[in-house]
Amino acid sequence: VARPGTLVEGEPCDPSLSFNVTWYLRYCNCYNEVFNFVDEQAEAYFGSTKEERDGWPGSYEMLPSLFQNYSELFKPQSFSGDFVHPVVLSGGKQTRYNGTNHTAVVEKLATNGAIKTWQDGPYIFIVQIGISYSKDSLKDVPQNQLFTMTVEVKGPYEYLSLAEYPLMIFFMVMCIVYVLFGVLWLAWSACYWRDLLRIQFWIGAVIFLGMLEKAVFYAEFQNIRYKGESVQGAMILAELLSAVKRSLARTLVIIVSLGYGIVKPRLGVTLHKVVVAGALYLLFSGMEGVLRVTGAQTDLASLAFIPLAFLDTALCWWIFISLTQTMKLLKLRRNIVKLSLYRHFTNTLILAVAASIVFIIWTTMKFRLVDCQSDWQELWVDDAIWRMLFSMILFAIMVLWRPSANNQRFAFSPLSEEEEDDEQKEPMLKESFEGMKMRSTKQEPNGNTKVNKAQEDDLKWVEENVPSSVTDVALPALLDSDEERMITHFERSKME
């Protein structure tokens, strides 16, 4: 429903002026025809009875109305009886509208309601106002200073369009999900607050930012629905929060893949690279989000999106290379608990990358490589699917690094301390030897034989297992950096 009204600015209009108002409403089957519409095209579109392109079907209605003076503009008007027969654009299939594909049926048009849509879909609404002057009127008054017109478009969801309504529901659901994430993480942290690791504080920060981001998006959609106005500042704030959240999450994954706090007590020079990578991602993702919501030029938005895509690919490559190096070191140390944790984490990231590739192919074929975007009902999926995938990865990280009584199993411990191996074997020893008694044994005159045998077994295990990794064989130059070779040599020298 489109409902026009007039607002007088400054002094009242000349009573002798008459207004010829013509409404033109055009239904477009292709969403991209409406989405890419600019104000400069209004004159060419107004009154058009033909398709803009072959294969872009649609229909239109046009209605002129004459107001003898400005006072009639404020009187209640009803045009519903004159606006009921949409005409199919020439070049399209000549079929009449049969009343189907309509979300809600309004029995009676509201007061001052000029036009009633006849089909669900995207529309172009153009108003032309002609002003007639009498002999005594002031002809030198500029037309753009006479009055302004406010157009209200309402549907079954108030001012919110059918294409945006599913996205509002999605943000509401995701806001609830992040609240549950936060409650669950707080409960875990409260139970084991004495043994919390640094990485668990990072995870809590990502959850909080995600919850705040979804709440701002949902509040913005609610404001559009009931007030019909979009607060651009709120959208910019939501996009900036999203950029901070994604940057923090990627920095977290990089730090985890490098083994910080797990196999390394500090990152050293690598920390500067991590900070630079996170800052660059924050910069480009923030620019891309702000340019997208402010409706800036497409070239500028692409200028920020292209380096963001390359940076994301480079970070993904860096993460997997670092994970391979960390898992190699854990194999060398024979730390089964941490190695199992990293294997699950790697599998989660591999599934996420595979899902991302599938989604990119699907969205490209569905929305990018088509001349006519007729599936406008599914456009919300293009935005929602990436946020949902991020939430699934975050939940997997929450499960893997959840606070527990055995938190210190994942903390860094030097190789010289053999307590970790004893802790890993202790539960199995207790179950296997329960009820048995220890007998005293005679000490060997020389214990060097047993020590040498143990060292030989360790070295044999290293030679048999360390080179077995496929990535170690395929990428020796990338994996065996100078730093990693020094660490490996240092670990072997301790065994010897």
Protein backbone atom coordinates (compact mmCIF):
# COMPACT_ATOMS: atom_id res chain seq x y z
CA VAL A 1 0.00 0.00 0.00
CA ALA A 2 1.40 3.38 -0.93
CA ARG A 3 -0.07 6.34 0.95
CA PRO A 4 1.01 9.84 -0.13
CA GLY A 5 0.55 12.98 1.89
CA THR A 6 1.77 16.54 1.57
CA LEU A 7 3.64 18.78 3.95
CA VAL A 8 3.57 22.54 3.41
CA GLU A 9 6.89 24.33 3.88
CA GLY A 10 7.06 28.04 4.70
CA GLU A 11 4.04 30.09 3.65
CA PRO A 12 0.85 28.38 2.38
CA CYS A 13 0.59 27.61 -1.32
CA ASP A 14 -1.24 29.92 -3.67
CA PRO A 15 -4.95 28.91 -3.51
CA SER A 16 -5.24 29.34 -7.27
CA LEU A 17 -2.71 26.58 -8.01
CA SER A 18 -4.00 23.24 -9.26
CA PHE A 19 -2.09 19.97 -9.16
CA ASN A 20 -2.20 17.09 -11.63
CA VAL A 21 -0.75 14.06 -9.79
CA THR A 22 -0.05 10.88 -11.77
CA TRP A 23 0.82 7.61 -10.03
CA TYR A 24 2.84 4.95 -11.85
CA LEU A 25 3.39 1.57 -10.18
CA ARG A 26 5.44 -1.07 -11.96
CA TYR A 27 5.84 -4.68 -10.84
CA CYS A 28 9.17 -6.26 -11.82
CA ASN A 29 9.74 -9.98 -11.81
CA CYS A 30 13.50 -9.38 -11.65
CA TYR A 31 14.75 -8.12 -8.30
CA ASN A 32 17.96 -6.70 -9.77
CA GLU A 33 15.92 -4.35 -12.00
CA VAL A 34 14.53 -2.64 -8.89
CA PHE A 35 17.70 -2.97 -6.79
CA ASN A 36 19.85 -1.27 -9.45
CA PHE A 37 17.27 1.45 -10.17
CA VAL A 38 18.58 5.03 -9.79
CA ASP A 39 16.71 8.33 -9.67
CA GLU A 40 17.97 9.38 -13.08
CA GLN A 41 15.99 6.52 -14.66
CA ALA A 42 12.64 7.71 -13.29
CA GLU A 43 11.85 9.90 -16.30
CA ALA A 44 12.57 7.06 -18.75
CA TYR A 45 10.55 4.53 -16.73
CA PHE A 46 7.53 6.77 -16.11
CA GLY A 47 4.64 5.74 -18.34
CA SER A 48 6.65 2.95 -19.97
CA THR A 49 4.61 0.00 -21.24
CA LYS A 50 7.55 -2.12 -22.42
CA GLU A 51 10.07 -4.41 -20.79
CA GLU A 52 13.39 -2.79 -19.98
CA ARG A 53 15.15 -5.87 -21.34
CA ASP A 54 14.03 -9.03 -23.04
CA GLY A 55 13.27 -11.61 -20.38
CA TRP A 56 12.44 -9.00 -17.71
CA PRO A 57 8.66 -9.43 -17.45
CA GLY A 58 6.34 -7.36 -15.33
CA SER A 59 3.14 -5.36 -15.21
CA TYR A 60 2.12 -1.81 -14.41
CA GLU A 61 -0.72 0.50 -13.41
CA MET A 62 -1.03 4.22 -14.00
CA LEU A 63 -3.59 6.66 -12.59
CA PRO A 64 -3.86 10.47 -12.98
CA SER A 65 -5.60 12.57 -10.32
CA LEU A 66 -6.48 16.27 -10.53
CA PHE A 67 -6.54 18.52 -7.44
CA GLN A 68 -8.12 21.92 -8.13
CA ASN A 69 -6.31 23.64 -5.26
CA TYR A 70 -3.85 22.82 -2.52
CA SER A 71 -6.56 22.38 0.14
CA GLU A 72 -7.83 19.25 -1.63
CA LEU A 73 -4.47 17.63 -1.03
CA PHE A 74 -5.30 17.37 2.67
CA LYS A 75 -8.76 15.89 2.23
CA PRO A 76 -9.22 12.10 2.64
CA GLN A 77 -9.03 10.45 -0.76
CA SER A 78 -9.75 6.94 -1.99
CA PHE A 79 -8.53 5.65 -5.34
CA SER A 80 -9.04 1.93 -4.84
CA GLY A 81 -11.89 1.68 -7.34
CA ASP A 82 -9.82 3.22 -10.14
CA PHE A 83 -6.72 1.08 -9.69
CA VAL A 84 -7.60 -2.58 -10.06
CA HIS A 85 -6.48 -3.72 -13.53
CA PRO A 86 -2.71 -4.14 -13.94
CA VAL A 87 -1.48 -4.30 -17.51
CA VAL A 88 1.25 -6.71 -18.59
CA LEU A 89 4.33 -5.07 -20.09
CA SER A 90 4.62 -5.50 -23.83
CA GLY A 91 7.11 -8.15 -24.80
CA GLY A 92 5.98 -10.39 -21.98
CA LYS A 93 3.42 -13.13 -21.91
CA GLN A 94 -0.05 -11.58 -22.19
CA THR A 95 -1.75 -13.04 -19.14
CA ARG A 96 -3.98 -11.28 -16.69
CA TYR A 97 -3.35 -11.30 -12.96
CA ASN A 98 -5.42 -14.08 -11.37
CA GLY A 99 -5.16 -13.02 -7.73
CA THR A 100 -2.64 -15.67 -6.61
CA ASN A 101 0.80 -15.18 -5.01
CA HIS A 102 -0.36 -12.63 -2.47
CA THR A 103 0.78 -12.70 1.14
CA ALA A 104 -2.07 -10.72 2.64
CA VAL A 105 -5.38 -9.47 1.24
CA VAL A 106 -6.47 -6.03 2.39
CA GLU A 107 -10.25 -5.84 2.13
CA LYS A 108 -10.43 -2.06 2.29
CA LEU A 109 -7.78 0.41 1.28
CA ALA A 110 -6.74 2.84 3.99
CA THR A 111 -7.72 6.49 3.86
CA ASN A 112 -5.46 8.38 1.44
CA GLY A 113 -4.24 5.04 0.14
CA ALA A 114 -3.48 5.71 -3.50
CA ILE A 115 -2.37 2.33 -4.81
CA LYS A 116 -2.79 -1.28 -3.79
CA THR A 117 -0.27 -3.83 -5.04
CA TRP A 118 -1.65 -6.84 -6.86
CA GLN A 119 1.20 -9.35 -6.46
CA ASP A 120 4.08 -10.14 -4.10
CA GLY A 121 7.37 -8.91 -5.48
CA PRO A 122 9.57 -5.85 -6.07
CA TYR A 123 7.92 -2.65 -7.32
CA ILE A 124 8.97 0.71 -8.76
CA PHE A 125 6.71 3.58 -7.68
CA ILE A 126 6.98 6.93 -9.51
CA VAL A 127 4.90 10.05 -8.85
CA GLN A 128 4.68 12.90 -11.36
CA ILE A 129 3.24 16.24 -10.22
CA GLY A 130 2.12 18.85 -12.72
CA ILE A 131 1.30 22.35 -11.49
CA SER A 132 -1.12 24.65 -13.32
CA TYR A 133 -0.96 28.39 -12.72
CA SER A 134 -3.79 30.85 -12.93
CA LYS A 135 -3.36 34.37 -14.23
CA ASP A 136 -2.97 35.82 -10.74
CA SER A 137 -0.59 33.17 -9.38
CA LEU A 138 3.10 33.68 -8.71
CA LYS A 139 4.82 31.96 -11.62
CA ASP A 140 8.30 32.91 -10.50
CA VAL A 141 8.16 30.69 -7.41
CA PRO A 142 10.43 27.62 -7.92
CA GLN A 143 8.42 24.39 -7.98
CA ASN A 144 10.85 22.59 -5.70
CA GLN A 145 10.07 25.10 -2.93
CA LEU A 146 6.28 24.68 -2.99
CA PHE A 147 5.94 21.48 -0.99
CA THR A 148 7.43 18.06 -0.32
CA MET A 149 5.68 14.72 -0.56
CA THR A 150 6.09 11.84 1.88
CA VAL A 151 5.25 8.39 0.51
CA GLU A 152 4.42 5.57 2.91
CA VAL A 153 4.54 1.98 1.72
CA LYS A 154 2.95 -0.59 4.01
CA GLY A 155 2.53 -4.32 3.74
CA PRO A 156 1.61 -7.30 5.90
CA TYR A 157 4.69 -6.60 8.06
CA GLU A 158 4.10 -2.85 8.37
CA TYR A 159 6.95 -0.93 6.71
CA LEU A 160 9.25 -3.95 6.41
CA SER A 161 9.47 -5.52 2.95
CA LEU A 162 8.84 -9.18 2.27
CA ALA A 163 12.48 -9.65 1.26
CA GLU A 164 13.78 -8.31 4.60
CA TYR A 165 11.30 -9.98 6.95
CA PRO A 166 13.04 -13.42 6.93
CA LEU A 167 16.33 -11.67 7.73
CA MET A 168 14.75 -9.98 10.76
CA ILE A 169 13.53 -13.36 12.04
CA PHE A 170 17.01 -14.80 11.44
CA PHE A 171 18.68 -12.07 13.53
CA MET A 172 16.13 -12.61 16.30
CA VAL A 173 16.92 -16.35 16.38
CA MET A 174 20.68 -15.72 16.24
CA CYS A 175 20.41 -13.20 19.08
CA ILE A 176 18.75 -15.88 21.21
CA VAL A 177 21.42 -18.41 20.18
CA TYR A 178 24.26 -16.07 21.21
CA VAL A 179 22.55 -15.39 24.54
CA LEU A 180 22.47 -19.16 25.12
CA PHE A 181 26.15 -19.33 24.10
CA GLY A 182 26.97 -16.63 26.63
CA VAL A 183 25.00 -18.27 29.45
CA LEU A 184 26.61 -21.64 28.74
CA TRP A 185 30.12 -20.16 28.62
CA LEU A 186 29.57 -18.18 31.83
CA ALA A 187 28.34 -21.32 33.59
CA TRP A 188 31.40 -23.29 32.48
CA SER A 189 33.74 -20.45 33.45
CA ALA A 190 32.11 -19.99 36.87
CA CYS A 191 32.53 -23.68 37.70
CA TYR A 192 36.24 -23.75 36.83
CA TRP A 193 37.26 -20.11 37.19
CA ARG A 194 40.52 -20.97 38.98
CA ASP A 195 41.88 -22.91 35.99
CA LEU A 196 40.77 -20.69 33.08
CA LEU A 197 43.18 -20.33 30.16
CA ARG A 198 43.84 -17.17 28.16
CA ILE A 199 42.20 -18.58 25.06
CA GLN A 200 38.96 -19.06 26.98
CA PHE A 201 38.79 -15.32 27.71
CA TRP A 202 39.17 -14.67 23.97
CA ILE A 203 36.29 -17.01 23.22
CA GLY A 204 34.13 -15.19 25.76
CA ALA A 205 34.91 -11.85 24.08
CA VAL A 206 33.91 -13.20 20.65
CA ILE A 207 30.61 -14.48 22.08
CA PHE A 208 29.86 -11.10 23.67
CA LEU A 209 30.59 -9.19 20.43
CA GLY A 210 28.43 -11.61 18.44
CA MET A 211 25.54 -11.18 20.86
CA LEU A 212 25.84 -7.38 20.70
CA GLU A 213 26.06 -7.38 16.89
CA LYS A 214 22.92 -9.51 16.44
CA ALA A 215 21.00 -7.37 18.95
CA VAL A 216 21.84 -4.15 17.04
CA PHE A 217 20.81 -5.68 13.70
CA TYR A 218 17.52 -6.94 15.15
CA ALA A 219 16.76 -3.55 16.74
CA GLU A 220 17.40 -1.84 13.40
CA PHE A 221 14.96 -4.13 11.57
CA GLN A 222 12.36 -3.57 14.28
CA ASN A 223 12.78 0.19 13.87
CA ILE A 224 12.26 -0.10 10.12
CA ARG A 225 9.21 -2.30 10.61
CA TYR A 226 7.29 -0.01 12.97
CA LYS A 227 8.64 3.46 12.11
CA GLY A 228 9.53 3.08 8.46
CA GLU A 229 12.91 4.73 8.94
CA SER A 230 16.38 3.27 8.87
CA VAL A 231 18.91 4.65 11.33
CA GLN A 232 22.11 4.62 9.30
CA GLY A 233 24.23 5.05 12.40
CA ALA A 234 22.83 1.83 13.86
CA MET A 235 23.62 -0.09 10.67
CA ILE A 236 27.17 1.28 10.61
CA LEU A 237 27.61 0.35 14.28
CA ALA A 238 26.37 -3.18 13.59
CA GLU A 239 28.75 -3.60 10.65
CA LEU A 240 31.69 -2.30 12.68
CA LEU A 241 30.84 -4.69 15.52
CA SER A 242 30.68 -7.51 12.99
CA ALA A 243 34.11 -6.49 11.62
CA VAL A 244 35.64 -6.43 15.12
CA LYS A 245 34.09 -9.81 15.95
CA ARG A 246 35.36 -11.47 12.77
CA SER A 247 38.83 -9.93 13.15
CA LEU A 248 39.06 -11.09 16.76
CA ALA A 249 37.86 -14.57 15.80
CA ARG A 250 40.43 -14.91 13.01
CA THR A 251 43.19 -13.67 15.29
CA LEU A 252 42.09 -16.24 17.86
CA VAL A 253 42.21 -19.07 15.32
CA ILE A 254 45.68 -17.98 14.14
CA ILE A 255 47.02 -17.90 17.70
CA VAL A 256 45.54 -21.33 18.44
CA SER A 257 46.95 -22.78 15.22
CA LEU A 258 50.40 -21.44 16.13
CA GLY A 259 50.18 -23.34 19.43
CA TYR A 260 50.39 -20.31 21.70
CA GLY A 261 49.80 -21.38 25.29
CA ILE A 262 49.64 -25.01 24.18
CA VAL A 263 53.10 -25.87 22.85
CA LYS A 264 54.70 -22.40 22.91
CA PRO A 265 54.95 -20.12 25.94
CA ARG A 266 55.25 -17.03 23.69
CA LEU A 267 55.01 -16.13 20.00
CA GLY A 268 58.05 -13.86 19.74
CA VAL A 269 58.40 -12.09 16.40
CA THR A 270 55.34 -13.92 15.04
CA LEU A 271 53.14 -11.86 17.36
CA HIS A 272 53.76 -8.75 15.23
CA LYS A 273 52.61 -10.61 12.11
CA VAL A 274 49.44 -11.72 13.91
CA VAL A 275 48.66 -8.16 15.02
CA VAL A 276 49.23 -6.77 11.51
CA ALA A 277 47.01 -9.47 9.96
CA GLY A 278 44.21 -8.77 12.43
CA ALA A 279 44.47 -5.00 11.92
CA LEU A 280 44.37 -5.33 8.12
CA TYR A 281 41.33 -7.60 8.28
CA LEU A 282 39.58 -5.16 10.63
CA LEU A 283 40.34 -2.27 8.28
CA PHE A 284 39.13 -3.92 5.06
CA SER A 285 36.10 -5.65 6.59
CA GLY A 286 35.02 -2.41 8.28
CA MET A 287 35.39 -0.45 5.03
CA GLU A 288 33.47 -3.05 3.05
CA GLY A 289 30.61 -3.17 5.56
CA VAL A 290 30.26 0.61 5.86
CA LEU A 291 30.36 1.15 2.09
CA ARG A 292 27.75 -1.57 1.60
CA VAL A 293 25.20 -0.22 4.10
CA THR A 294 25.67 3.43 3.13
CA GLY A 295 24.98 2.68 -0.52
CA ALA A 296 28.29 4.07 -1.71
CA GLN A 297 29.59 3.54 -5.20
CA THR A 298 29.90 -0.05 -6.30
CA ASP A 299 33.51 0.51 -7.37
CA LEU A 300 34.51 1.61 -3.87
CA ALA A 301 32.74 -1.36 -2.27
CA SER A 302 34.53 -3.73 -4.66
CA LEU A 303 37.82 -1.99 -3.92
CA ALA A 304 37.46 -3.04 -0.28
CA PHE A 305 35.96 -6.48 -0.97
CA ILE A 306 38.69 -7.73 -3.33
CA PRO A 307 41.63 -7.28 -0.92
CA LEU A 308 39.44 -8.66 1.87
CA ALA A 309 38.89 -11.86 -0.11
CA PHE A 310 42.62 -12.21 -0.84
CA LEU A 311 43.46 -11.54 2.81
CA ASP A 312 40.95 -14.15 3.98
CA THR A 313 42.49 -16.72 1.61
CA ALA A 314 46.02 -15.92 2.85
CA LEU A 315 44.91 -16.22 6.49
CA CYS A 316 43.29 -19.57 5.76
CA TRP A 317 46.53 -20.84 4.19
CA TRP A 318 48.57 -19.56 7.14
CA ILE A 319 46.23 -21.23 9.63
CA PHE A 320 46.48 -24.65 8.01
CA ILE A 321 50.27 -24.44 7.65
CA SER A 322 50.57 -23.48 11.33
CA LEU A 323 48.23 -26.28 12.37
CA THR A 324 50.37 -28.78 10.49
CA GLN A 325 53.52 -27.55 12.22
CA THR A 326 51.88 -27.63 15.65
CA MET A 327 50.56 -31.16 15.14
CA LYS A 328 54.01 -32.25 13.98
CA LEU A 329 55.53 -30.94 17.21
CA LEU A 330 52.84 -32.65 19.30
CA LYS A 331 53.58 -35.94 17.55
CA LEU A 332 57.24 -35.45 18.35
CA ARG A 333 56.38 -34.93 22.01
CA ARG A 334 53.93 -37.85 21.96
CA ASN A 335 51.27 -35.67 23.60
CA ILE A 336 48.14 -37.62 22.73
CA VAL A 337 45.64 -35.36 24.53
CA LYS A 338 46.68 -32.13 22.81
CA LEU A 339 47.17 -33.90 19.49
CA SER A 340 43.59 -35.22 19.61
CA LEU A 341 42.32 -31.72 20.38
CA TYR A 342 44.13 -30.24 17.39
CA ARG A 343 42.94 -33.01 15.09
CA HIS A 344 39.32 -32.25 15.96
CA PHE A 345 39.96 -28.54 15.50
CA THR A 346 41.57 -29.13 12.09
CA ASN A 347 38.67 -31.30 10.96
CA THR A 348 36.25 -28.55 12.00
CA LEU A 349 38.11 -25.95 9.93
CA ILE A 350 38.31 -28.28 6.92
CA LEU A 351 34.54 -28.82 7.03
CA ALA A 352 34.01 -25.05 7.33
CA VAL A 353 36.21 -24.34 4.30
CA ALA A 354 34.46 -27.04 2.26
CA ALA A 355 31.04 -25.63 3.23
CA SER A 356 32.21 -22.11 2.30
CA ILE A 357 33.29 -23.26 -1.16
CA VAL A 358 29.94 -24.98 -1.72
CA PHE A 359 28.03 -21.88 -0.58
CA ILE A 360 30.13 -19.59 -2.79
CA ILE A 361 29.40 -21.72 -5.85
CA TRP A 362 25.68 -21.91 -5.01
CA THR A 363 25.22 -18.18 -4.36
CA THR A 364 27.23 -17.27 -7.46
CA MET A 365 25.12 -19.49 -9.71
CA LYS A 366 21.88 -18.49 -7.97
CA PHE A 367 22.25 -14.72 -7.69
CA ARG A 368 25.35 -13.50 -9.56
CA LEU A 369 25.41 -15.33 -12.90
CA VAL A 370 21.72 -14.85 -13.73
CA ASP A 371 20.36 -12.01 -15.82
CA CYS A 372 17.04 -11.93 -13.95
CA GLN A 373 17.01 -12.50 -10.18
CA SER A 374 13.49 -13.88 -9.86
CA ASP A 375 14.15 -15.77 -6.59
CA TRP A 376 14.02 -12.66 -4.42
CA GLN A 377 12.48 -14.69 -1.55
CA GLU A 378 15.84 -16.45 -1.06
CA LEU A 379 18.09 -13.38 -1.12
CA TRP A 380 18.25 -13.28 2.68
CA VAL A 381 20.10 -16.62 2.63
CA ASP A 382 23.10 -14.97 0.93
CA ASP A 383 23.69 -12.89 4.06
CA ALA A 384 22.45 -15.29 6.71
CA ILE A 385 24.39 -18.36 5.63
CA TRP A 386 27.81 -16.86 6.44
CA ARG A 387 26.73 -15.66 9.86
CA MET A 388 25.28 -19.09 10.61
CA LEU A 389 28.48 -20.83 9.48
CA PHE A 390 30.55 -18.55 11.73
CA SER A 391 28.30 -19.41 14.68
CA MET A 392 28.71 -23.15 14.02
CA ILE A 393 32.51 -22.82 13.99
CA LEU A 394 32.35 -20.79 17.20
CA PHE A 395 30.23 -23.46 18.87
CA ALA A 396 32.72 -26.16 17.84
CA ILE A 397 35.56 -24.10 19.36
CA MET A 398 33.50 -23.64 22.52
CA VAL A 399 33.05 -27.40 22.87
CA LEU A 400 36.72 -28.17 22.20
CA TRP A 401 38.11 -25.50 24.55
CA ARG A 402 35.36 -25.53 27.17
CA PRO A 403 36.49 -24.91 30.77
CA SER A 404 36.79 -28.15 32.73
CA ALA A 405 38.53 -29.69 35.71
CA ASN A 406 41.35 -30.83 33.41
CA ASN A 407 42.03 -27.41 31.90
CA GLN A 408 45.74 -27.60 32.61
CA ARG A 409 46.08 -30.57 30.26
CA PHE A 410 45.98 -28.05 27.40
CA ALA A 411 48.30 -25.50 28.98
CA PHE A 412 51.95 -25.18 27.95
CA SER A 413 54.40 -27.42 29.80
CA PRO A 414 58.13 -27.88 29.06
CA LEU A 415 59.28 -31.20 27.65
CA SER A 416 61.60 -31.83 30.62
CA GLU A 417 58.63 -32.20 32.92
CA GLU A 418 57.36 -35.74 32.61
CA GLU A 419 54.32 -35.15 34.81
CA GLU A 420 52.04 -34.74 31.82
CA ASP A 421 52.80 -38.23 30.53
CA ASP A 422 52.27 -39.61 34.01
CA GLU A 423 48.88 -37.88 34.24
CA GLN A 424 47.84 -39.33 30.89
CA LYS A 425 48.83 -42.85 31.93
CA GLU A 426 47.57 -42.62 35.51
CA PRO A 427 43.87 -43.39 34.87
CA MET A 428 44.75 -46.41 32.78
CA LEU A 429 47.23 -47.67 35.39
CA LYS A 430 44.70 -47.35 38.18
CA GLU A 431 42.11 -49.38 36.32
CA SER A 432 44.53 -52.06 35.12
CA PHE A 433 46.38 -52.68 38.39
CA GLU A 434 43.56 -52.17 40.87
CA GLY A 435 43.79 -54.72 43.69
CA MET A 436 47.37 -55.73 42.87
CA LYS A 437 50.37 -55.32 45.19
CA MET A 438 53.82 -54.09 44.32
CA ARG A 439 56.67 -56.49 44.96
CA SER A 440 60.15 -55.32 45.74
CA THR A 441 62.66 -55.92 42.98
CA LYS A 442 66.36 -55.98 42.99
CA GLN A 443 68.08 -52.99 41.53
CA GLU A 444 70.24 -53.57 38.50
CA PRO A 445 73.92 -53.13 39.12
CA ASN A 446 74.05 -50.75 36.23
CA GLY A 447 70.96 -48.80 35.13
CA ASN A 448 72.49 -47.51 31.91
CA THR A 449 71.20 -50.50 29.95
CA LYS A 450 67.55 -49.68 30.66
CA VAL A 451 68.06 -45.97 30.00
CA ASN A 452 69.76 -46.62 26.68
CA LYS A 453 67.02 -49.04 25.69
CA ALA A 454 64.34 -46.46 26.49
CA GLN A 455 66.14 -43.81 24.46
CA GLU A 456 66.49 -46.19 21.53
CA ASP A 457 62.77 -46.95 21.70
CA ASP A 458 61.95 -43.23 21.71
CA LEU A 459 64.20 -42.50 18.76
CA LYS A 460 62.81 -45.47 16.87
CA TRP A 461 59.27 -44.22 17.49
CA VAL A 462 60.22 -40.75 16.21
CA GLU A 463 61.79 -42.13 13.04
CA GLU A 464 58.78 -44.34 12.34
CA ASN A 465 56.01 -41.84 13.09
CA VAL A 466 57.18 -38.29 12.45
CA PRO A 467 57.79 -38.61 8.67
CA SER A 468 54.46 -40.40 8.18
CA SER A 469 52.46 -37.15 7.84
CA VAL A 470 51.35 -36.47 4.27
CA THR A 471 51.79 -32.73 4.62
CA ASP A 472 55.35 -33.17 5.91
CA VAL A 473 56.28 -35.00 2.73
CA ALA A 474 54.30 -32.73 0.37
CA LEU A 475 55.38 -29.39 1.85
CA PRO A 476 58.86 -29.86 3.37
CA ALA A 477 60.11 -26.44 2.33
CA LEU A 478 57.11 -24.64 3.80
CA LEU A 479 56.92 -26.59 7.04
CA ASP A 480 60.56 -26.94 8.00
CA SER A 481 61.34 -23.30 8.65
CA ASP A 482 64.52 -22.33 10.48
CA GLU A 483 62.64 -21.84 13.73
CA GLU A 484 60.89 -25.22 13.51
CA ARG A 485 64.14 -27.01 12.65
CA MET A 486 65.78 -25.48 15.72
CA ILE A 487 62.85 -26.54 17.92
CA THR A 488 62.93 -30.09 16.53
CA HIS A 489 66.69 -30.32 17.03
CA PHE A 490 66.30 -29.02 20.58
CA GLU A 491 63.59 -31.56 21.41
CA ARG A 492 65.64 -34.46 20.02
CA SER A 493 68.74 -33.32 21.92
CA LYS A 494 66.73 -33.50 25.13
CA MET A 495 65.75 -37.09 24.36
CA GLU A 496 69.36 -37.98 23.65
